[in-house]
Structure formats: C-alpha cells, structure tokens
Amino acid sequence: MDVPSLLSAPSASPAQDDLAAAEAAVRKYCGWHIAPVITEELVLDGTGTSSLFIKSLRVVDITAAECDGVTLDPATLEWSEAGFIRTVGRWPDKLRAVKLTVKHGFDEAPDVAATIRSIAARASASPGGIVREQIGARSISLSMVAPGVSGGVVLMDHERRMLDKYRIAGG
C-alpha cells in the first residue's frame, strides 16, 4: 500500500514550511486550534455522567447537538465558555455517542501568532542543523533552536509557559 506523503502540495517556500510546522507544533501542544473563531462538528465519547468537556477554552455557542442518534435542542444544554457541557440526566457511557456543532476559539491571539513567527524564524535561521563553523582562525556561530538542539521546529520553555494559558490540560 502506498502511503501518501505529508508534503501533499509543493511548498511556496522553506519559510512557509517553517511557519506551517511552527503553527502545527503550537496547536498540538495546546490541544486545540486556539484562533480564529470557527464552527466545528465534534464527536465526543459519552462518559456516563452529566458533564462532558469540549476540547476548547473558549466556547462561543453550541448550535446543534445529538446524543446516541437523537437530536437534542441545544437550548436545553448548560455549557460554559471554558468548554464544559451538561445535560439533564446523564450522557450515555458510549464511545462517539455525542455529536455537537460548536462555535469556538478566540477572535485573535496576537501573542500566539508572535510565538509561531518566532519559532519559525529560529527554525529558518538554522536550516541545516549547524551550530558552529570554523575555518582557520575564523568561526561563525549559528542559531540553536533549543539547548543542545540545532535545526527544526522546537518549542522552548519560555514559549511553552506563554502558551500554557491556551493549553488544554492533557491536550
């Protein structure tokens, strides 16, 4: 079986590749898309309890809901901006039992965008993974993307700390 390449489309430039990789790394670390506000259909596992958690830290609206094949009126659900949703009674203890259409995300997140650009710039500054070159008495020190790591997209500790306010626990 042929497995399709992750590089499905030719890239516009290595810099665009670094930006895309940095954005993917940030979203993976945070456990959700963060921004902008989007409408997304989510399928959740039932827990056998009255509460569920939507992988989002900013829910704007729940526009449709279905539980175990039965359409629910979203107005009957209780939900928080922080991603918790409750129903009257209990959600079934069944995998993929709950389908929701959710509008969520931040309108903008300039601090996240700046972090993505910083990660991408650092990756671009050390594309070959070279830290230092020396020819005779002359030497050039190049960028490291993290302590002991040269080349690639890596989130540094200070970036993780900044992103932690957008991170879903266990994300």
N, C-alpha and C. Protein backbone atom coordinates (compact mmCIF):
# COMPACT_ATOMS: atom_id res chain seq x y z
N MET A 1 0.84 -1.18 0.00
CA MET A 1 0.00 0.00 0.00
C MET A 1 0.88 1.24 0.00
N ASP A 2 0.58 2.17 -0.88
CA ASP A 2 1.31 3.43 -0.92
C ASP A 2 0.71 4.39 0.10
N VAL A 3 1.54 4.94 0.95
CA VAL A 3 1.11 5.92 1.93
C VAL A 3 1.35 7.30 1.34
N PRO A 4 0.32 8.15 1.30
CA PRO A 4 0.51 9.48 0.73
C PRO A 4 1.51 10.30 1.55
N SER A 5 2.23 11.14 0.86
CA SER A 5 3.21 12.00 1.50
C SER A 5 2.53 13.04 2.39
N LEU A 6 3.19 13.39 3.49
CA LEU A 6 2.71 14.50 4.32
C LEU A 6 2.87 15.82 3.57
N LEU A 7 3.77 15.85 2.61
CA LEU A 7 4.01 17.05 1.82
C LEU A 7 3.14 16.98 0.57
N SER A 8 1.83 17.05 0.79
CA SER A 8 0.88 16.82 -0.30
C SER A 8 0.94 17.86 -1.41
N ALA A 9 1.30 19.07 -1.07
CA ALA A 9 1.38 20.12 -2.08
C ALA A 9 2.78 20.71 -2.05
N PRO A 10 3.28 21.11 -3.22
CA PRO A 10 4.60 21.74 -3.21
C PRO A 10 4.54 23.03 -2.39
N SER A 11 5.56 23.24 -1.57
CA SER A 11 5.54 24.42 -0.71
C SER A 11 5.90 25.67 -1.49
N ALA A 12 5.39 26.79 -1.01
CA ALA A 12 5.71 28.08 -1.63
C ALA A 12 7.15 28.44 -1.33
N SER A 13 7.63 28.09 -0.13
CA SER A 13 9.00 28.41 0.25
C SER A 13 9.34 27.66 1.54
N PRO A 14 10.64 27.51 1.82
CA PRO A 14 11.02 26.91 3.10
C PRO A 14 10.49 27.72 4.29
N ALA A 15 10.43 29.05 4.16
CA ALA A 15 9.90 29.88 5.24
C ALA A 15 8.43 29.56 5.51
N GLN A 16 7.66 29.33 4.45
CA GLN A 16 6.24 28.95 4.62
C GLN A 16 6.14 27.59 5.29
N ASP A 17 7.03 26.68 4.93
CA ASP A 17 7.06 25.36 5.58
C ASP A 17 7.34 25.51 7.07
N ASP A 18 8.30 26.38 7.42
CA ASP A 18 8.62 26.59 8.83
C ASP A 18 7.45 27.20 9.58
N LEU A 19 6.75 28.15 8.97
CA LEU A 19 5.56 28.74 9.61
C LEU A 19 4.47 27.69 9.83
N ALA A 20 4.22 26.88 8.81
CA ALA A 20 3.20 25.83 8.93
C ALA A 20 3.58 24.82 10.01
N ALA A 21 4.85 24.44 10.06
CA ALA A 21 5.30 23.48 11.07
C ALA A 21 5.22 24.08 12.47
N ALA A 22 5.59 25.36 12.61
CA ALA A 22 5.51 26.02 13.92
C ALA A 22 4.06 26.13 14.39
N GLU A 23 3.16 26.49 13.47
CA GLU A 23 1.73 26.58 13.83
C GLU A 23 1.20 25.22 14.25
N ALA A 24 1.56 24.18 13.52
CA ALA A 24 1.11 22.82 13.87
C ALA A 24 1.66 22.41 15.24
N ALA A 25 2.91 22.75 15.53
CA ALA A 25 3.51 22.40 16.82
C ALA A 25 2.80 23.12 17.96
N VAL A 26 2.47 24.39 17.77
CA VAL A 26 1.78 25.16 18.80
C VAL A 26 0.38 24.61 19.03
N ARG A 27 -0.35 24.33 17.96
CA ARG A 27 -1.71 23.79 18.11
C ARG A 27 -1.69 22.40 18.74
N LYS A 28 -0.71 21.60 18.41
CA LYS A 28 -0.59 20.27 19.02
C LYS A 28 -0.28 20.40 20.50
N TYR A 29 0.63 21.29 20.85
CA TYR A 29 0.97 21.49 22.25
C TYR A 29 -0.25 21.97 23.04
N CYS A 30 -1.03 22.87 22.47
CA CYS A 30 -2.19 23.42 23.17
C CYS A 30 -3.39 22.49 23.15
N GLY A 31 -3.47 21.57 22.19
CA GLY A 31 -4.54 20.58 22.16
C GLY A 31 -5.80 21.03 21.44
N TRP A 32 -5.74 22.20 20.79
CA TRP A 32 -6.89 22.69 20.02
C TRP A 32 -6.42 23.79 19.10
N HIS A 33 -7.34 24.32 18.27
CA HIS A 33 -6.91 25.26 17.23
C HIS A 33 -6.62 26.67 17.74
N ILE A 34 -7.12 27.10 18.87
CA ILE A 34 -6.92 28.38 19.56
C ILE A 34 -7.66 29.54 18.88
N ALA A 35 -7.30 29.88 17.66
CA ALA A 35 -7.91 31.01 16.94
C ALA A 35 -7.82 30.73 15.45
N PRO A 36 -8.70 31.29 14.69
CA PRO A 36 -9.81 32.20 15.00
C PRO A 36 -11.04 31.43 15.45
N VAL A 37 -12.15 32.17 15.64
CA VAL A 37 -13.43 31.53 15.95
C VAL A 37 -13.86 30.74 14.72
N ILE A 38 -14.16 29.46 14.92
CA ILE A 38 -14.64 28.61 13.83
C ILE A 38 -15.86 27.84 14.31
N THR A 39 -16.64 27.34 13.37
CA THR A 39 -17.73 26.43 13.69
C THR A 39 -17.26 25.04 13.28
N GLU A 40 -17.35 24.11 14.22
CA GLU A 40 -16.78 22.79 14.02
C GLU A 40 -17.73 21.73 14.55
N GLU A 41 -17.85 20.62 13.84
CA GLU A 41 -18.63 19.49 14.34
C GLU A 41 -17.69 18.58 15.12
N LEU A 42 -18.05 18.31 16.36
CA LEU A 42 -17.24 17.47 17.23
C LEU A 42 -17.99 16.20 17.58
N VAL A 43 -17.28 15.10 17.64
CA VAL A 43 -17.85 13.83 18.08
C VAL A 43 -17.12 13.47 19.37
N LEU A 44 -17.90 13.30 20.44
CA LEU A 44 -17.34 13.04 21.76
C LEU A 44 -17.78 11.69 22.30
N ASP A 45 -16.97 11.14 23.16
CA ASP A 45 -17.33 9.91 23.86
C ASP A 45 -18.22 10.27 25.04
N GLY A 46 -19.30 9.52 25.23
CA GLY A 46 -20.14 9.71 26.40
C GLY A 46 -19.39 9.22 27.63
N THR A 47 -19.70 9.80 28.78
CA THR A 47 -18.95 9.48 29.99
C THR A 47 -19.79 8.75 31.04
N GLY A 48 -21.10 8.66 30.83
CA GLY A 48 -21.97 8.08 31.85
C GLY A 48 -22.26 9.07 32.97
N THR A 49 -21.81 10.30 32.81
CA THR A 49 -22.06 11.36 33.80
C THR A 49 -22.89 12.45 33.13
N SER A 50 -23.19 13.49 33.87
CA SER A 50 -23.98 14.57 33.29
C SER A 50 -23.10 15.62 32.59
N SER A 51 -21.77 15.55 32.76
CA SER A 51 -20.86 16.55 32.19
C SER A 51 -19.91 15.95 31.17
N LEU A 52 -19.59 16.77 30.18
CA LEU A 52 -18.56 16.44 29.18
C LEU A 52 -17.64 17.64 29.05
N PHE A 53 -16.46 17.41 28.50
CA PHE A 53 -15.54 18.50 28.21
C PHE A 53 -15.31 18.57 26.72
N ILE A 54 -15.52 19.75 26.16
CA ILE A 54 -15.23 20.02 24.76
C ILE A 54 -13.79 20.51 24.70
N LYS A 55 -12.99 20.01 23.78
CA LYS A 55 -11.60 20.47 23.67
C LYS A 55 -11.56 21.89 23.14
N SER A 56 -11.83 22.82 24.04
CA SER A 56 -11.83 24.24 23.71
C SER A 56 -11.73 25.03 25.00
N LEU A 57 -11.07 26.16 24.95
CA LEU A 57 -11.01 27.04 26.11
C LEU A 57 -11.82 28.31 25.89
N ARG A 58 -12.54 28.36 24.77
CA ARG A 58 -13.45 29.48 24.54
C ARG A 58 -14.59 29.03 23.63
N VAL A 59 -15.67 28.59 24.24
CA VAL A 59 -16.87 28.20 23.50
C VAL A 59 -17.74 29.44 23.39
N VAL A 60 -18.15 29.75 22.16
CA VAL A 60 -18.99 30.92 21.89
C VAL A 60 -20.45 30.49 21.81
N ASP A 61 -20.71 29.33 21.20
CA ASP A 61 -22.09 28.87 21.03
C ASP A 61 -22.10 27.38 20.69
N ILE A 62 -23.18 26.73 21.05
CA ILE A 62 -23.44 25.35 20.62
C ILE A 62 -24.71 25.43 19.79
N THR A 63 -24.59 25.14 18.50
CA THR A 63 -25.71 25.36 17.58
C THR A 63 -26.48 24.09 17.25
N ALA A 64 -25.90 22.92 17.50
CA ALA A 64 -26.61 21.67 17.23
C ALA A 64 -26.05 20.60 18.16
N ALA A 65 -26.91 19.65 18.51
CA ALA A 65 -26.49 18.56 19.40
C ALA A 65 -27.27 17.30 19.09
N GLU A 66 -26.57 16.19 19.23
CA GLU A 66 -27.19 14.88 19.02
C GLU A 66 -26.58 13.93 20.03
N CYS A 67 -27.41 13.11 20.63
CA CYS A 67 -26.93 12.14 21.61
C CYS A 67 -27.45 10.76 21.25
N ASP A 68 -26.54 9.87 20.93
CA ASP A 68 -26.89 8.49 20.60
C ASP A 68 -27.94 8.43 19.49
N GLY A 69 -27.78 9.32 18.50
CA GLY A 69 -28.67 9.34 17.35
C GLY A 69 -29.93 10.17 17.52
N VAL A 70 -30.15 10.73 18.70
CA VAL A 70 -31.34 11.53 18.97
C VAL A 70 -30.96 13.00 18.99
N THR A 71 -31.68 13.80 18.19
CA THR A 71 -31.41 15.24 18.14
C THR A 71 -31.86 15.90 19.44
N LEU A 72 -30.97 16.74 19.98
CA LEU A 72 -31.26 17.49 21.19
C LEU A 72 -31.43 18.96 20.85
N ASP A 73 -32.24 19.65 21.63
CA ASP A 73 -32.35 21.10 21.50
C ASP A 73 -31.16 21.70 22.23
N PRO A 74 -30.25 22.41 21.52
CA PRO A 74 -29.08 22.98 22.19
C PRO A 74 -29.44 23.92 23.34
N ALA A 75 -30.64 24.50 23.30
CA ALA A 75 -31.06 25.40 24.37
C ALA A 75 -31.27 24.67 25.69
N THR A 76 -31.43 23.33 25.64
CA THR A 76 -31.62 22.56 26.87
C THR A 76 -30.30 22.20 27.53
N LEU A 77 -29.19 22.48 26.84
CA LEU A 77 -27.87 22.15 27.37
C LEU A 77 -27.32 23.32 28.17
N GLU A 78 -26.63 23.00 29.22
CA GLU A 78 -25.93 24.01 30.01
C GLU A 78 -24.46 23.91 29.64
N TRP A 79 -23.83 25.04 29.28
CA TRP A 79 -22.42 24.98 28.88
C TRP A 79 -21.69 26.23 29.34
N SER A 80 -20.38 26.09 29.47
CA SER A 80 -19.55 27.21 29.89
C SER A 80 -18.60 27.59 28.76
N GLU A 81 -18.14 28.82 28.82
CA GLU A 81 -17.15 29.28 27.85
C GLU A 81 -15.89 28.42 27.92
N ALA A 82 -15.59 27.87 29.10
CA ALA A 82 -14.38 27.08 29.32
C ALA A 82 -14.48 25.66 28.76
N GLY A 83 -15.60 25.29 28.13
CA GLY A 83 -15.69 24.01 27.44
C GLY A 83 -16.42 22.89 28.16
N PHE A 84 -17.07 23.20 29.27
CA PHE A 84 -17.86 22.17 29.96
C PHE A 84 -19.30 22.23 29.48
N ILE A 85 -19.90 21.05 29.32
CA ILE A 85 -21.28 20.98 28.84
C ILE A 85 -22.02 19.95 29.70
N ARG A 86 -23.23 20.32 30.10
CA ARG A 86 -24.07 19.42 30.91
C ARG A 86 -25.39 19.20 30.23
N THR A 87 -25.96 18.04 30.52
CA THR A 87 -27.29 17.71 30.05
C THR A 87 -28.14 17.35 31.26
N VAL A 88 -29.45 17.38 31.05
CA VAL A 88 -30.35 16.87 32.10
C VAL A 88 -30.19 15.35 32.08
N GLY A 89 -29.99 14.76 33.21
CA GLY A 89 -29.75 13.32 33.25
C GLY A 89 -28.27 13.04 33.01
N ARG A 90 -28.00 12.00 32.24
CA ARG A 90 -26.62 11.59 32.01
C ARG A 90 -26.37 11.35 30.53
N TRP A 91 -25.14 11.62 30.12
CA TRP A 91 -24.71 11.22 28.78
C TRP A 91 -24.52 9.71 28.81
N PRO A 92 -24.77 9.01 27.73
CA PRO A 92 -24.56 7.56 27.75
C PRO A 92 -23.07 7.24 27.91
N ASP A 93 -22.78 6.12 28.53
CA ASP A 93 -21.40 5.65 28.65
C ASP A 93 -21.09 4.87 27.38
N LYS A 94 -20.89 5.62 26.30
CA LYS A 94 -20.75 5.00 24.98
C LYS A 94 -19.80 5.84 24.14
N LEU A 95 -18.90 5.18 23.46
CA LEU A 95 -17.94 5.88 22.61
C LEU A 95 -18.66 6.54 21.42
N ARG A 96 -18.23 7.74 21.08
CA ARG A 96 -18.73 8.50 19.93
C ARG A 96 -20.25 8.71 19.99
N ALA A 97 -20.79 8.84 21.17
CA ALA A 97 -22.24 8.93 21.33
C ALA A 97 -22.77 10.37 21.20
N VAL A 98 -21.91 11.36 21.33
CA VAL A 98 -22.37 12.75 21.36
C VAL A 98 -21.78 13.50 20.17
N LYS A 99 -22.65 14.15 19.40
CA LYS A 99 -22.22 15.00 18.28
C LYS A 99 -22.68 16.41 18.56
N LEU A 100 -21.74 17.35 18.47
CA LEU A 100 -22.06 18.75 18.73
C LEU A 100 -21.54 19.61 17.59
N THR A 101 -22.28 20.65 17.27
CA THR A 101 -21.77 21.68 16.38
C THR A 101 -21.48 22.88 17.27
N VAL A 102 -20.21 23.24 17.33
CA VAL A 102 -19.72 24.22 18.29
C VAL A 102 -19.02 25.36 17.58
N LYS A 103 -19.35 26.57 17.99
CA LYS A 103 -18.63 27.75 17.53
C LYS A 103 -17.65 28.08 18.65
N HIS A 104 -16.34 28.04 18.34
CA HIS A 104 -15.36 28.24 19.41
C HIS A 104 -14.03 28.78 18.89
N GLY A 105 -13.25 29.29 19.82
CA GLY A 105 -11.94 29.85 19.51
C GLY A 105 -11.90 31.32 19.89
N PHE A 106 -10.72 31.87 19.93
CA PHE A 106 -10.55 33.29 20.20
C PHE A 106 -10.61 34.06 18.89
N ASP A 107 -11.15 35.29 18.95
CA ASP A 107 -11.20 36.12 17.74
C ASP A 107 -9.81 36.32 17.18
N GLU A 108 -8.87 36.58 18.05
CA GLU A 108 -7.48 36.72 17.66
C GLU A 108 -6.61 36.33 18.86
N ALA A 109 -5.38 36.02 18.58
CA ALA A 109 -4.42 35.67 19.64
C ALA A 109 -3.04 36.16 19.18
N PRO A 110 -2.82 37.48 19.25
CA PRO A 110 -1.56 38.03 18.74
C PRO A 110 -0.32 37.48 19.44
N ASP A 111 -0.44 37.14 20.72
CA ASP A 111 0.71 36.56 21.42
C ASP A 111 1.05 35.17 20.88
N VAL A 112 0.04 34.42 20.50
CA VAL A 112 0.27 33.10 19.91
C VAL A 112 0.87 33.27 18.51
N ALA A 113 0.35 34.20 17.73
CA ALA A 113 0.87 34.45 16.38
C ALA A 113 2.34 34.87 16.45
N ALA A 114 2.69 35.73 17.41
CA ALA A 114 4.08 36.17 17.55
C ALA A 114 4.98 35.00 17.93
N THR A 115 4.49 34.12 18.78
CA THR A 115 5.26 32.95 19.18
C THR A 115 5.49 32.03 17.99
N ILE A 116 4.46 31.83 17.18
CA ILE A 116 4.60 30.99 15.98
C ILE A 116 5.66 31.59 15.05
N ARG A 117 5.61 32.90 14.84
CA ARG A 117 6.60 33.55 13.97
C ARG A 117 8.01 33.40 14.54
N SER A 118 8.15 33.52 15.85
CA SER A 118 9.46 33.38 16.50
C SER A 118 10.02 31.97 16.32
N ILE A 119 9.18 30.99 16.53
CA ILE A 119 9.61 29.59 16.36
C ILE A 119 10.03 29.33 14.92
N ALA A 120 9.24 29.84 13.97
CA ALA A 120 9.55 29.65 12.55
C ALA A 120 10.85 30.36 12.17
N ALA A 121 11.05 31.58 12.68
CA ALA A 121 12.28 32.32 12.36
C ALA A 121 13.51 31.60 12.90
N ARG A 122 13.39 31.06 14.10
CA ARG A 122 14.50 30.32 14.69
C ARG A 122 14.81 29.06 13.86
N ALA A 123 13.78 28.39 13.41
CA ALA A 123 13.98 27.19 12.58
C ALA A 123 14.63 27.56 11.25
N SER A 124 14.22 28.71 10.67
CA SER A 124 14.79 29.16 9.40
C SER A 124 16.25 29.58 9.54
N ALA A 125 16.61 30.07 10.73
CA ALA A 125 17.98 30.55 10.94
C ALA A 125 18.99 29.42 11.08
N SER A 126 18.51 28.22 11.28
CA SER A 126 19.42 27.07 11.43
C SER A 126 18.90 25.89 10.61
N PRO A 127 18.72 26.10 9.30
CA PRO A 127 18.09 25.05 8.50
C PRO A 127 18.88 23.77 8.37
N GLY A 128 20.20 23.85 8.40
CA GLY A 128 20.98 22.63 8.22
C GLY A 128 21.35 21.95 9.51
N GLY A 129 20.93 22.53 10.63
CA GLY A 129 21.27 21.93 11.90
C GLY A 129 22.72 22.19 12.31
N ILE A 130 23.34 23.18 11.69
CA ILE A 130 24.73 23.51 12.00
C ILE A 130 24.74 24.55 13.10
N VAL A 131 25.54 24.33 14.14
CA VAL A 131 25.62 25.26 15.26
C VAL A 131 26.84 26.17 15.11
N ARG A 132 27.96 25.61 14.64
CA ARG A 132 29.18 26.41 14.55
C ARG A 132 30.04 25.91 13.40
N GLU A 133 30.62 26.85 12.67
CA GLU A 133 31.56 26.53 11.60
C GLU A 133 32.86 27.26 11.88
N GLN A 134 33.98 26.60 11.60
CA GLN A 134 35.26 27.25 11.79
C GLN A 134 36.17 26.90 10.62
N ILE A 135 36.80 27.94 10.09
CA ILE A 135 37.81 27.76 9.04
C ILE A 135 39.02 28.56 9.51
N GLY A 136 40.04 27.88 9.88
CA GLY A 136 41.23 28.55 10.41
C GLY A 136 40.89 29.29 11.69
N ALA A 137 41.25 30.57 11.73
CA ALA A 137 41.02 31.38 12.93
C ALA A 137 39.63 32.01 12.96
N ARG A 138 38.86 31.86 11.90
CA ARG A 138 37.53 32.47 11.83
C ARG A 138 36.47 31.42 12.15
N SER A 139 35.50 31.85 12.95
CA SER A 139 34.39 30.94 13.25
C SER A 139 33.08 31.71 13.21
N ILE A 140 32.02 30.98 12.90
CA ILE A 140 30.68 31.54 12.85
C ILE A 140 29.80 30.65 13.72
N SER A 141 29.08 31.27 14.66
CA SER A 141 28.12 30.53 15.48
C SER A 141 26.73 30.79 14.94
N LEU A 142 26.00 29.74 14.71
CA LEU A 142 24.65 29.86 14.15
C LEU A 142 23.63 29.58 15.23
N SER A 143 22.38 29.70 14.88
CA SER A 143 21.28 29.59 15.83
C SER A 143 21.05 28.16 16.29
N MET A 144 20.75 28.04 17.58
CA MET A 144 20.27 26.78 18.12
C MET A 144 18.78 26.97 18.37
N VAL A 145 17.97 25.97 18.09
CA VAL A 145 16.53 26.09 18.28
C VAL A 145 16.09 25.75 19.69
N ALA A 146 16.97 25.10 20.44
CA ALA A 146 16.73 24.77 21.84
C ALA A 146 18.08 24.32 22.41
N PRO A 147 18.24 24.31 23.71
CA PRO A 147 19.51 23.87 24.28
C PRO A 147 19.91 22.49 23.76
N GLY A 148 21.05 22.44 23.12
CA GLY A 148 21.56 21.17 22.60
C GLY A 148 20.91 20.71 21.31
N VAL A 149 20.01 21.53 20.73
CA VAL A 149 19.29 21.14 19.51
C VAL A 149 19.50 22.22 18.45
N SER A 150 19.91 21.80 17.28
CA SER A 150 20.04 22.75 16.17
C SER A 150 19.20 22.26 15.01
N GLY A 151 18.47 23.16 14.40
CA GLY A 151 17.62 22.81 13.27
C GLY A 151 16.28 22.27 13.72
N GLY A 152 15.26 22.55 12.95
CA GLY A 152 13.93 22.03 13.22
C GLY A 152 13.05 22.98 14.02
N VAL A 153 11.83 22.56 14.23
CA VAL A 153 10.84 23.35 14.96
C VAL A 153 10.72 22.77 16.36
N VAL A 154 11.10 23.58 17.34
CA VAL A 154 11.08 23.17 18.74
C VAL A 154 10.50 24.29 19.57
N LEU A 155 9.60 23.96 20.50
CA LEU A 155 9.08 24.95 21.43
C LEU A 155 10.03 25.04 22.62
N MET A 156 10.49 26.25 22.91
CA MET A 156 11.38 26.46 24.06
C MET A 156 10.54 26.65 25.32
N ASP A 157 11.18 26.52 26.47
CA ASP A 157 10.47 26.59 27.75
C ASP A 157 9.68 27.89 27.91
N HIS A 158 10.27 29.03 27.57
CA HIS A 158 9.56 30.30 27.73
C HIS A 158 8.34 30.38 26.81
N GLU A 159 8.41 29.74 25.64
CA GLU A 159 7.27 29.71 24.73
C GLU A 159 6.16 28.80 25.28
N ARG A 160 6.54 27.68 25.83
CA ARG A 160 5.55 26.79 26.46
C ARG A 160 4.83 27.51 27.60
N ARG A 161 5.59 28.23 28.42
CA ARG A 161 4.97 28.96 29.53
C ARG A 161 3.97 29.99 29.02
N MET A 162 4.31 30.70 27.94
CA MET A 162 3.39 31.68 27.38
C MET A 162 2.14 30.99 26.81
N LEU A 163 2.33 29.83 26.20
CA LEU A 163 1.21 29.10 25.59
C LEU A 163 0.34 28.38 26.60
N ASP A 164 0.85 28.16 27.81
CA ASP A 164 0.11 27.38 28.80
C ASP A 164 -1.28 27.94 29.09
N LYS A 165 -1.49 29.25 28.96
CA LYS A 165 -2.83 29.81 29.20
C LYS A 165 -3.82 29.40 28.11
N TYR A 166 -3.31 28.91 26.98
CA TYR A 166 -4.16 28.43 25.88
C TYR A 166 -4.20 26.91 25.82
N ARG A 167 -3.50 26.25 26.72
CA ARG A 167 -3.33 24.80 26.65
C ARG A 167 -4.41 24.06 27.42
N ILE A 168 -4.97 23.05 26.79
CA ILE A 168 -5.93 22.17 27.46
C ILE A 168 -5.13 21.12 28.22
N ALA A 169 -5.39 20.99 29.50
CA ALA A 169 -4.68 20.01 30.33
C ALA A 169 -4.79 18.63 29.69
N GLY A 170 -3.67 17.97 29.55
CA GLY A 170 -3.66 16.65 28.91
C GLY A 170 -3.82 16.73 27.42
N GLY A 171 -3.81 17.99 26.87
CA GLY A 171 -4.01 18.31 25.47
C GLY A 171 -3.47 17.37 24.50
